[in-house]
Amino acid sequence: LKQMWGEGRTQFLPFIITVVAIVLTDLLVGIL
């Protein structure tokens, strides 16, 4: 988490949104 935060918002936001989306839906939907 710290590493992705340090890489800036263009890397952190897709990362954290992918995490949240997979957790709240399923693997395939979250990845998309």
Full PDB file with SEQRES, HELIX, SHEET, SSBOND, CRYST1, ORIGX, SCALE, CONECT and MASTER records, all heavy atoms in Angstrom:
SEQRES   1 A   32  LEU LYS GLN MET TRP GLY GLU GLY ARG THR GLN PHE LEU          
SEQRES   2 A   32  PRO PHE ILE ILE THR VAL VAL ALA ILE VAL LEU THR ASP          
SEQRES   3 A   32  LEU LEU VAL GLY ILE LEU                                      
HELIX    1 AA1 LYS A    2  GLY A    6  1                                   5    
HELIX    2 AA2 ARG A    9  LEU A   24  1                                  16    
HELIX    3 AA3 LEU A   27  ILE A   31  1                                   5    
CRYST1    1.000    1.000    1.000  90.00  90.00  90.00 P 1           1          
ORIGX1      1.000000  0.000000  0.000000        0.00000                         
ORIGX2      0.000000  1.000000  0.000000        0.00000                         
ORIGX3      0.000000  0.000000  1.000000        0.00000                         
SCALE1      1.000000  0.000000  0.000000        0.00000                         
SCALE2      0.000000  1.000000  0.000000        0.00000                         
SCALE3      0.000000  0.000000  1.000000        0.00000                         
ATOM      1  N   LEU A   1       0.834  -1.204   0.000  1.00  0.00           N  
ATOM      2  CA  LEU A   1       0.000   0.000   0.000  1.00  0.00           C  
ATOM      3  C   LEU A   1       0.869   1.254   0.000  1.00  0.00           C  
ATOM      4  O   LEU A   1       0.621   2.203  -0.764  1.00  0.00           O  
ATOM      5  CB  LEU A   1      -0.924  -0.011   1.215  1.00  0.00           C  
ATOM      6  CG  LEU A   1      -1.968   1.108   1.292  1.00  0.00           C  
ATOM      7  CD1 LEU A   1      -3.019   0.924   0.204  1.00  0.00           C  
ATOM      8  CD2 LEU A   1      -2.635   1.118   2.660  1.00  0.00           C  
ATOM      9  N   LYS A   2       1.897   1.263   0.822  1.00  0.00           N  
ATOM     10  CA  LYS A   2       2.804   2.414   0.900  1.00  0.00           C  
ATOM     11  C   LYS A   2       3.544   2.612  -0.421  1.00  0.00           C  
ATOM     12  O   LYS A   2       3.736   3.741  -0.888  1.00  0.00           O  
ATOM     13  CB  LYS A   2       3.798   2.203   2.043  1.00  0.00           C  
ATOM     14  CG  LYS A   2       4.741   3.371   2.272  1.00  0.00           C  
ATOM     15  CD  LYS A   2       5.674   3.107   3.447  1.00  0.00           C  
ATOM     16  CE  LYS A   2       6.638   4.275   3.655  1.00  0.00           C  
ATOM     17  NZ  LYS A   2       7.566   4.014   4.786  1.00  0.00           N  
ATOM     18  N   GLN A   3       3.964   1.501  -1.025  1.00  0.00           N  
ATOM     19  CA  GLN A   3       4.674   1.584  -2.308  1.00  0.00           C  
ATOM     20  C   GLN A   3       3.791   2.214  -3.380  1.00  0.00           C  
ATOM     21  O   GLN A   3       4.228   3.103  -4.126  1.00  0.00           O  
ATOM     22  CB  GLN A   3       5.117   0.194  -2.748  1.00  0.00           C  
ATOM     23  CG  GLN A   3       5.758   0.169  -4.138  1.00  0.00           C  
ATOM     24  CD  GLN A   3       5.788  -1.231  -4.734  1.00  0.00           C  
ATOM     25  OE1 GLN A   3       5.749  -2.213  -4.012  1.00  0.00           O  
ATOM     26  NE2 GLN A   3       5.834  -1.314  -6.051  1.00  0.00           N  
ATOM     27  N   MET A   4       2.544   1.758  -3.475  1.00  0.00           N  
ATOM     28  CA  MET A   4       1.639   2.276  -4.506  1.00  0.00           C  
ATOM     29  C   MET A   4       1.283   3.738  -4.241  1.00  0.00           C  
ATOM     30  O   MET A   4       1.132   4.524  -5.172  1.00  0.00           O  
ATOM     31  CB  MET A   4       0.366   1.418  -4.573  1.00  0.00           C  
ATOM     32  CG  MET A   4       0.612  -0.027  -4.973  1.00  0.00           C  
ATOM     33  SD  MET A   4       1.544  -0.200  -6.519  1.00  0.00           S  
ATOM     34  CE  MET A   4       0.410   0.543  -7.690  1.00  0.00           C  
ATOM     35  N   TRP A   5       1.161   4.117  -2.978  1.00  0.00           N  
ATOM     36  CA  TRP A   5       0.901   5.519  -2.631  1.00  0.00           C  
ATOM     37  C   TRP A   5       2.059   6.406  -3.090  1.00  0.00           C  
ATOM     38  O   TRP A   5       1.860   7.497  -3.603  1.00  0.00           O  
ATOM     39  CB  TRP A   5       0.670   5.646  -1.134  1.00  0.00           C  
ATOM     40  CG  TRP A   5       0.493   7.058  -0.665  1.00  0.00           C  
ATOM     41  CD1 TRP A   5       1.439   7.899  -0.172  1.00  0.00           C  
ATOM     42  CD2 TRP A   5      -0.729   7.823  -0.676  1.00  0.00           C  
ATOM     43  NE1 TRP A   5       0.900   9.123   0.138  1.00  0.00           N  
ATOM     44  CE2 TRP A   5      -0.435   9.111  -0.162  1.00  0.00           C  
ATOM     45  CE3 TRP A   5      -2.035   7.536  -1.059  1.00  0.00           C  
ATOM     46  CZ2 TRP A   5      -1.398  10.105  -0.031  1.00  0.00           C  
ATOM     47  CZ3 TRP A   5      -2.996   8.524  -0.928  1.00  0.00           C  
ATOM     48  CH2 TRP A   5      -2.686   9.784  -0.424  1.00  0.00           C  
ATOM     49  N   GLY A   6       3.273   5.893  -2.906  1.00  0.00           N  
ATOM     50  CA  GLY A   6       4.448   6.661  -3.289  1.00  0.00           C  
ATOM     51  C   GLY A   6       4.605   6.828  -4.787  1.00  0.00           C  
ATOM     52  O   GLY A   6       5.336   7.715  -5.244  1.00  0.00           O  
ATOM     53  N   GLU A   7       3.945   6.003  -5.594  1.00  0.00           N  
ATOM     54  CA  GLU A   7       4.057   6.088  -7.051  1.00  0.00           C  
ATOM     55  C   GLU A   7       3.100   7.111  -7.666  1.00  0.00           C  
ATOM     56  O   GLU A   7       3.058   7.258  -8.886  1.00  0.00           O  
ATOM     57  CB  GLU A   7       3.831   4.705  -7.675  1.00  0.00           C  
ATOM     58  CG  GLU A   7       4.959   3.734  -7.357  1.00  0.00           C  
ATOM     59  CD  GLU A   7       4.765   2.373  -8.000  1.00  0.00           C  
ATOM     60  OE1 GLU A   7       3.818   2.236  -8.811  1.00  0.00           O  
ATOM     61  OE2 GLU A   7       5.540   1.451  -7.704  1.00  0.00           O  
ATOM     62  N   GLY A   8       2.320   7.779  -6.824  1.00  0.00           N  
ATOM     63  CA  GLY A   8       1.454   8.846  -7.339  1.00  0.00           C  
ATOM     64  C   GLY A   8       0.040   8.388  -7.623  1.00  0.00           C  
ATOM     65  O   GLY A   8      -0.252   7.191  -7.678  1.00  0.00           O  
ATOM     66  N   ARG A   9      -0.835   9.354  -7.822  1.00  0.00           N  
ATOM     67  CA  ARG A   9      -2.265   9.030  -7.945  1.00  0.00           C  
ATOM     68  C   ARG A   9      -2.605   8.241  -9.200  1.00  0.00           C  
ATOM     69  O   ARG A   9      -3.555   7.469  -9.213  1.00  0.00           O  
ATOM     70  CB  ARG A   9      -3.111  10.301  -7.884  1.00  0.00           C  
ATOM     71  CG  ARG A   9      -2.932  11.257  -9.040  1.00  0.00           C  
ATOM     72  CD  ARG A   9      -3.668  12.568  -8.798  1.00  0.00           C  
ATOM     73  NE  ARG A   9      -3.616  13.446  -9.950  1.00  0.00           N  
ATOM     74  CZ  ARG A   9      -4.559  13.523 -10.869  1.00  0.00           C  
ATOM     75  NH1 ARG A   9      -5.640  12.785 -10.755  1.00  0.00           N  
ATOM     76  NH2 ARG A   9      -4.454  14.338 -11.898  1.00  0.00           N  
ATOM     77  N   THR A  10      -1.823   8.417 -10.266  1.00  0.00           N  
ATOM     78  CA  THR A  10      -2.124   7.674 -11.494  1.00  0.00           C  
ATOM     79  C   THR A  10      -1.878   6.180 -11.327  1.00  0.00           C  
ATOM     80  O   THR A  10      -2.411   5.376 -12.085  1.00  0.00           O  
ATOM     81  CB  THR A  10      -1.282   8.195 -12.672  1.00  0.00           C  
ATOM     82  OG1 THR A  10       0.107   8.087 -12.345  1.00  0.00           O  
ATOM     83  CG2 THR A  10      -1.610   9.642 -12.975  1.00  0.00           C  
ATOM     84  N   GLN A  11      -1.056   5.798 -10.336  1.00  0.00           N  
ATOM     85  CA  GLN A  11      -0.849   4.386 -10.028  1.00  0.00           C  
ATOM     86  C   GLN A  11      -1.696   3.957  -8.827  1.00  0.00           C  
ATOM     87  O   GLN A  11      -2.258   2.855  -8.831  1.00  0.00           O  
ATOM     88  CB  GLN A  11       0.638   4.136  -9.720  1.00  0.00           C  
ATOM     89  CG  GLN A  11       1.550   4.233 -10.924  1.00  0.00           C  
ATOM     90  CD  GLN A  11       1.297   3.132 -11.929  1.00  0.00           C  
ATOM     91  OE1 GLN A  11       1.296   1.954 -11.591  1.00  0.00           O  
ATOM     92  NE2 GLN A  11       1.071   3.517 -13.177  1.00  0.00           N  
ATOM     93  N   PHE A  12      -1.807   4.844  -7.837  1.00  0.00           N  
ATOM     94  CA  PHE A  12      -2.510   4.452  -6.608  1.00  0.00           C  
ATOM     95  C   PHE A  12      -4.013   4.305  -6.827  1.00  0.00           C  
ATOM     96  O   PHE A  12      -4.616   3.341  -6.338  1.00  0.00           O  
ATOM     97  CB  PHE A  12      -2.239   5.482  -5.509  1.00  0.00           C  
ATOM     98  CG  PHE A  12      -2.920   5.142  -4.206  1.00  0.00           C  
ATOM     99  CD1 PHE A  12      -2.411   4.137  -3.395  1.00  0.00           C  
ATOM    100  CD2 PHE A  12      -4.066   5.813  -3.806  1.00  0.00           C  
ATOM    101  CE1 PHE A  12      -3.039   3.810  -2.198  1.00  0.00           C  
ATOM    102  CE2 PHE A  12      -4.697   5.485  -2.617  1.00  0.00           C  
ATOM    103  CZ  PHE A  12      -4.174   4.484  -1.807  1.00  0.00           C  
ATOM    104  N   LEU A  13      -4.627   5.228  -7.553  1.00  0.00           N  
ATOM    105  CA  LEU A  13      -6.084   5.162  -7.721  1.00  0.00           C  
ATOM    106  C   LEU A  13      -6.541   3.911  -8.468  1.00  0.00           C  
ATOM    107  O   LEU A  13      -7.467   3.229  -8.013  1.00  0.00           O  
ATOM    108  CB  LEU A  13      -6.591   6.438  -8.403  1.00  0.00           C  
ATOM    109  CG  LEU A  13      -6.595   7.690  -7.510  1.00  0.00           C  
ATOM    110  CD1 LEU A  13      -7.069   8.911  -8.285  1.00  0.00           C  
ATOM    111  CD2 LEU A  13      -7.480   7.476  -6.288  1.00  0.00           C  
ATOM    112  N   PRO A  14      -5.942   3.556  -9.624  1.00  0.00           N  
ATOM    113  CA  PRO A  14      -6.338   2.279 -10.246  1.00  0.00           C  
ATOM    114  C   PRO A  14      -6.101   1.089  -9.315  1.00  0.00           C  
ATOM    115  O   PRO A  14      -6.903   0.149  -9.286  1.00  0.00           O  
ATOM    116  CB  PRO A  14      -5.442   2.199 -11.484  1.00  0.00           C  
ATOM    117  CG  PRO A  14      -5.086   3.600 -11.799  1.00  0.00           C  
ATOM    118  CD  PRO A  14      -4.983   4.288 -10.473  1.00  0.00           C  
ATOM    119  N   PHE A  15      -5.007   1.140  -8.543  1.00  0.00           N  
ATOM    120  CA  PHE A  15      -4.699   0.050  -7.609  1.00  0.00           C  
ATOM    121  C   PHE A  15      -5.786  -0.079  -6.548  1.00  0.00           C  
ATOM    122  O   PHE A  15      -6.357  -1.156  -6.360  1.00  0.00           O  
ATOM    123  CB  PHE A  15      -3.338   0.330  -6.964  1.00  0.00           C  
ATOM    124  CG  PHE A  15      -3.067  -0.464  -5.706  1.00  0.00           C  
ATOM    125  CD1 PHE A  15      -2.668  -1.782  -5.780  1.00  0.00           C  
ATOM    126  CD2 PHE A  15      -3.206   0.125  -4.453  1.00  0.00           C  
ATOM    127  CE1 PHE A  15      -2.414  -2.515  -4.622  1.00  0.00           C  
ATOM    128  CE2 PHE A  15      -2.956  -0.595  -3.296  1.00  0.00           C  
ATOM    129  CZ  PHE A  15      -2.562  -1.922  -3.382  1.00  0.00           C  
ATOM    130  N   ILE A  16      -6.091   1.017  -5.851  1.00  0.00           N  
ATOM    131  CA  ILE A  16      -7.030   0.932  -4.730  1.00  0.00           C  
ATOM    132  C   ILE A  16      -8.459   0.694  -5.220  1.00  0.00           C  
ATOM    133  O   ILE A  16      -9.246   0.003  -4.563  1.00  0.00           O  
ATOM    134  CB  ILE A  16      -6.935   2.205  -3.847  1.00  0.00           C  
ATOM    135  CG1 ILE A  16      -7.513   1.943  -2.457  1.00  0.00           C  
ATOM    136  CG2 ILE A  16      -7.623   3.385  -4.506  1.00  0.00           C  
ATOM    137  CD1 ILE A  16      -6.699   0.953  -1.648  1.00  0.00           C  
ATOM    138  N   ILE A  17      -8.795   1.250  -6.381  1.00  0.00           N  
ATOM    139  CA  ILE A  17     -10.137   1.008  -6.939  1.00  0.00           C  
ATOM    140  C   ILE A  17     -10.278  -0.453  -7.347  1.00  0.00           C  
ATOM    141  O   ILE A  17     -11.343  -1.066  -7.170  1.00  0.00           O  
ATOM    142  CB  ILE A  17     -10.405   1.958  -8.128  1.00  0.00           C  
ATOM    143  CG1 ILE A  17     -10.573   3.394  -7.611  1.00  0.00           C  
ATOM    144  CG2 ILE A  17     -11.637   1.526  -8.911  1.00  0.00           C  
ATOM    145  CD1 ILE A  17     -10.677   4.445  -8.694  1.00  0.00           C  
ATOM    146  N   THR A  18      -9.210  -1.051  -7.890  1.00  0.00           N  
ATOM    147  CA  THR A  18      -9.240  -2.479  -8.216  1.00  0.00           C  
ATOM    148  C   THR A  18      -9.465  -3.304  -6.955  1.00  0.00           C  
ATOM    149  O   THR A  18     -10.275  -4.247  -6.951  1.00  0.00           O  
ATOM    150  CB  THR A  18      -7.917  -2.906  -8.887  1.00  0.00           C  
ATOM    151  OG1 THR A  18      -7.731  -2.159 -10.087  1.00  0.00           O  
ATOM    152  CG2 THR A  18      -7.932  -4.392  -9.216  1.00  0.00           C  
ATOM    153  N   VAL A  19      -8.758  -2.958  -5.892  1.00  0.00           N  
ATOM    154  CA  VAL A  19      -8.912  -3.678  -4.619  1.00  0.00           C  
ATOM    155  C   VAL A  19     -10.356  -3.600  -4.128  1.00  0.00           C  
ATOM    156  O   VAL A  19     -10.988  -4.621  -3.833  1.00  0.00           O  
ATOM    157  CB  VAL A  19      -7.956  -3.104  -3.546  1.00  0.00           C  
ATOM    158  CG1 VAL A  19      -8.249  -3.724  -2.180  1.00  0.00           C  
ATOM    159  CG2 VAL A  19      -6.508  -3.344  -3.933  1.00  0.00           C  
ATOM    160  N   VAL A  20     -10.884  -2.391  -4.062  1.00  0.00           N  
ATOM    161  CA  VAL A  20     -12.247  -2.193  -3.549  1.00  0.00           C  
ATOM    162  C   VAL A  20     -13.270  -2.882  -4.447  1.00  0.00           C  
ATOM    163  O   VAL A  20     -14.206  -3.540  -3.966  1.00  0.00           O  
ATOM    164  CB  VAL A  20     -12.552  -0.683  -3.427  1.00  0.00           C  
ATOM    165  CG1 VAL A  20     -14.016  -0.459  -3.054  1.00  0.00           C  
ATOM    166  CG2 VAL A  20     -11.633  -0.033  -2.399  1.00  0.00           C  
ATOM    167  N   ALA A  21     -13.093  -2.761  -5.760  1.00  0.00           N  
ATOM    168  CA  ALA A  21     -14.052  -3.344  -6.701  1.00  0.00           C  
ATOM    169  C   ALA A  21     -14.076  -4.868  -6.598  1.00  0.00           C  
ATOM    170  O   ALA A  21     -15.155  -5.484  -6.621  1.00  0.00           O  
ATOM    171  CB  ALA A  21     -13.704  -2.919  -8.130  1.00  0.00           C  
ATOM    172  N   ILE A  22     -12.906  -5.498  -6.480  1.00  0.00           N  
ATOM    173  CA  ILE A  22     -12.865  -6.960  -6.366  1.00  0.00           C  
ATOM    174  C   ILE A  22     -13.495  -7.416  -5.055  1.00  0.00           C  
ATOM    175  O   ILE A  22     -14.266  -8.382  -5.011  1.00  0.00           O  
ATOM    176  CB  ILE A  22     -11.412  -7.472  -6.485  1.00  0.00           C  
ATOM    177  CG1 ILE A  22     -10.890  -7.252  -7.908  1.00  0.00           C  
ATOM    178  CG2 ILE A  22     -11.324  -8.957  -6.132  1.00  0.00           C  
ATOM    179  CD1 ILE A  22      -9.436  -7.629  -8.097  1.00  0.00           C  
ATOM    180  N   VAL A  23     -13.180  -6.700  -3.986  1.00  0.00           N  
ATOM    181  CA  VAL A  23     -13.729  -7.069  -2.673  1.00  0.00           C  
ATOM    182  C   VAL A  23     -15.250  -6.934  -2.653  1.00  0.00           C  
ATOM    183  O   VAL A  23     -15.957  -7.769  -2.080  1.00  0.00           O  
ATOM    184  CB  VAL A  23     -13.090  -6.203  -1.564  1.00  0.00           C  
ATOM    185  CG1 VAL A  23     -13.809  -6.406  -0.224  1.00  0.00           C  
ATOM    186  CG2 VAL A  23     -11.610  -6.540  -1.420  1.00  0.00           C  
ATOM    187  N   LEU A  24     -15.769  -5.891  -3.310  1.00  0.00           N  
ATOM    188  CA  LEU A  24     -17.214  -5.623  -3.249  1.00  0.00           C  
ATOM    189  C   LEU A  24     -18.010  -6.313  -4.350  1.00  0.00           C  
ATOM    190  O   LEU A  24     -19.244  -6.267  -4.341  1.00  0.00           O  
ATOM    191  CB  LEU A  24     -17.463  -4.114  -3.318  1.00  0.00           C  
ATOM    192  CG  LEU A  24     -16.916  -3.293  -2.143  1.00  0.00           C  
ATOM    193  CD1 LEU A  24     -17.271  -1.831  -2.300  1.00  0.00           C  
ATOM    194  CD2 LEU A  24     -17.432  -3.833  -0.807  1.00  0.00           C  
ATOM    195  N   THR A  25     -17.344  -6.924  -5.328  1.00  0.00           N  
ATOM    196  CA  THR A  25     -18.072  -7.656  -6.390  1.00  0.00           C  
ATOM    197  C   THR A  25     -17.505  -9.071  -6.456  1.00  0.00           C  
ATOM    198  O   THR A  25     -17.753  -9.887  -5.607  1.00  0.00           O  
ATOM    199  CB  THR A  25     -17.935  -6.932  -7.741  1.00  0.00           C  
ATOM    200  OG1 THR A  25     -16.546  -6.767  -8.080  1.00  0.00           O  
ATOM    201  CG2 THR A  25     -18.587  -5.559  -7.693  1.00  0.00           C  
ATOM    202  N   ASP A  26     -16.775  -9.346  -7.512  1.00  0.00           N  
ATOM    203  CA  ASP A  26     -16.017 -10.598  -7.616  1.00  0.00           C  
ATOM    204  C   ASP A  26     -14.763 -10.323  -8.431  1.00  0.00           C  
ATOM    205  O   ASP A  26     -14.539  -9.194  -8.886  1.00  0.00           O  
ATOM    206  CB  ASP A  26     -16.853 -11.727  -8.235  1.00  0.00           C  
ATOM    207  CG  ASP A  26     -17.375 -11.368  -9.619  1.00  0.00           C  
ATOM    208  OD1 ASP A  26     -16.657 -10.697 -10.388  1.00  0.00           O  
ATOM    209  OD2 ASP A  26     -18.513 -11.767  -9.940  1.00  0.00           O  
ATOM    210  N   LEU A  27     -13.949 -11.347  -8.609  1.00  0.00           N  
ATOM    211  CA  LEU A  27     -12.641 -11.140  -9.221  1.00  0.00           C  
ATOM    212  C   LEU A  27     -12.744 -10.567 -10.631  1.00  0.00           C  
ATOM    213  O   LEU A  27     -12.074  -9.586 -10.962  1.00  0.00           O  
ATOM    214  CB  LEU A  27     -11.863 -12.460  -9.231  1.00  0.00           C  
ATOM    215  CG  LEU A  27     -10.395 -12.372  -9.641  1.00  0.00           C  
ATOM    216  CD1 LEU A  27      -9.557 -13.351  -8.835  1.00  0.00           C  
ATOM    217  CD2 LEU A  27     -10.216 -12.669 -11.115  1.00  0.00           C  
ATOM    218  N   LEU A  28     -13.584 -11.153 -11.464  1.00  0.00           N  
ATOM    219  CA  LEU A  28     -13.642 -10.728 -12.864  1.00  0.00           C  
ATOM    220  C   LEU A  28     -14.203  -9.314 -12.996  1.00  0.00           C  
ATOM    221  O   LEU A  28     -13.618  -8.464 -13.685  1.00  0.00           O  
ATOM    222  CB  LEU A  28     -14.489 -11.711 -13.680  1.00  0.00           C  
ATOM    223  CG  LEU A  28     -14.552 -11.425 -15.176  1.00  0.00           C  
ATOM    224  CD1 LEU A  28     -13.172 -11.506 -15.804  1.00  0.00           C  
ATOM    225  CD2 LEU A  28     -15.510 -12.383 -15.870  1.00  0.00           C  
ATOM    226  N   VAL A  29     -15.311  -9.030 -12.337  1.00  0.00           N  
ATOM    227  CA  VAL A  29     -15.923  -7.701 -12.418  1.00  0.00           C  
ATOM    228  C   VAL A  29     -14.965  -6.650 -11.860  1.00  0.00           C  
ATOM    229  O   VAL A  29     -14.782  -5.572 -12.442  1.00  0.00           O  
ATOM    230  CB  VAL A  29     -17.269  -7.672 -11.662  1.00  0.00           C  
ATOM    231  CG1 VAL A  29     -17.818  -6.249 -11.593  1.00  0.00           C  
ATOM    232  CG2 VAL A  29     -18.275  -8.597 -12.333  1.00  0.00           C  
ATOM    233  N   GLY A  30     -14.341  -6.958 -10.732  1.00  0.00           N  
ATOM    234  CA  GLY A  30     -13.404  -6.017 -10.122  1.00  0.00           C  
ATOM    235  C   GLY A  30     -12.216  -5.717 -11.014  1.00  0.00           C  
ATOM    236  O   GLY A  30     -11.783  -4.564 -11.130  1.00  0.00           O  
ATOM    237  N   ILE A  31     -11.682  -6.753 -11.665  1.00  0.00           N  
ATOM    238  CA  ILE A  31     -10.551  -6.560 -12.583  1.00  0.00           C  
ATOM    239  C   ILE A  31     -10.961  -5.642 -13.729  1.00  0.00           C  
ATOM    240  O   ILE A  31     -10.219  -4.732 -14.132  1.00  0.00           O  
ATOM    241  CB  ILE A  31     -10.077  -7.920 -13.142  1.00  0.00           C  
ATOM    242  CG1 ILE A  31      -9.190  -8.620 -12.119  1.00  0.00           C  
ATOM    243  CG2 ILE A  31      -9.303  -7.742 -14.433  1.00  0.00           C  
ATOM    244  CD1 ILE A  31      -7.822  -8.027 -11.961  1.00  0.00           C  
ATOM    245  N   LEU A  32     -12.135  -5.861 -14.294  1.00  0.00           N  
ATOM    246  CA  LEU A  32     -12.593  -5.035 -15.415  1.00  0.00           C  
ATOM    247  C   LEU A  32     -12.803  -3.581 -14.981  1.00  0.00           C  
ATOM    248  O   LEU A  32     -12.487  -2.650 -15.728  1.00  0.00           O  
ATOM    249  CB  LEU A  32     -13.888  -5.617 -15.999  1.00  0.00           C  
ATOM    250  CG  LEU A  32     -13.746  -6.988 -16.676  1.00  0.00           C  
ATOM    251  CD1 LEU A  32     -15.102  -7.507 -17.138  1.00  0.00           C  
ATOM    252  CD2 LEU A  32     -12.778  -6.907 -17.849  1.00  0.00           C  
TER     253      LEU A  32                                                      
MASTER        0    0    0    3    0    0    0    6  252    1    0    3          
END                                                                             
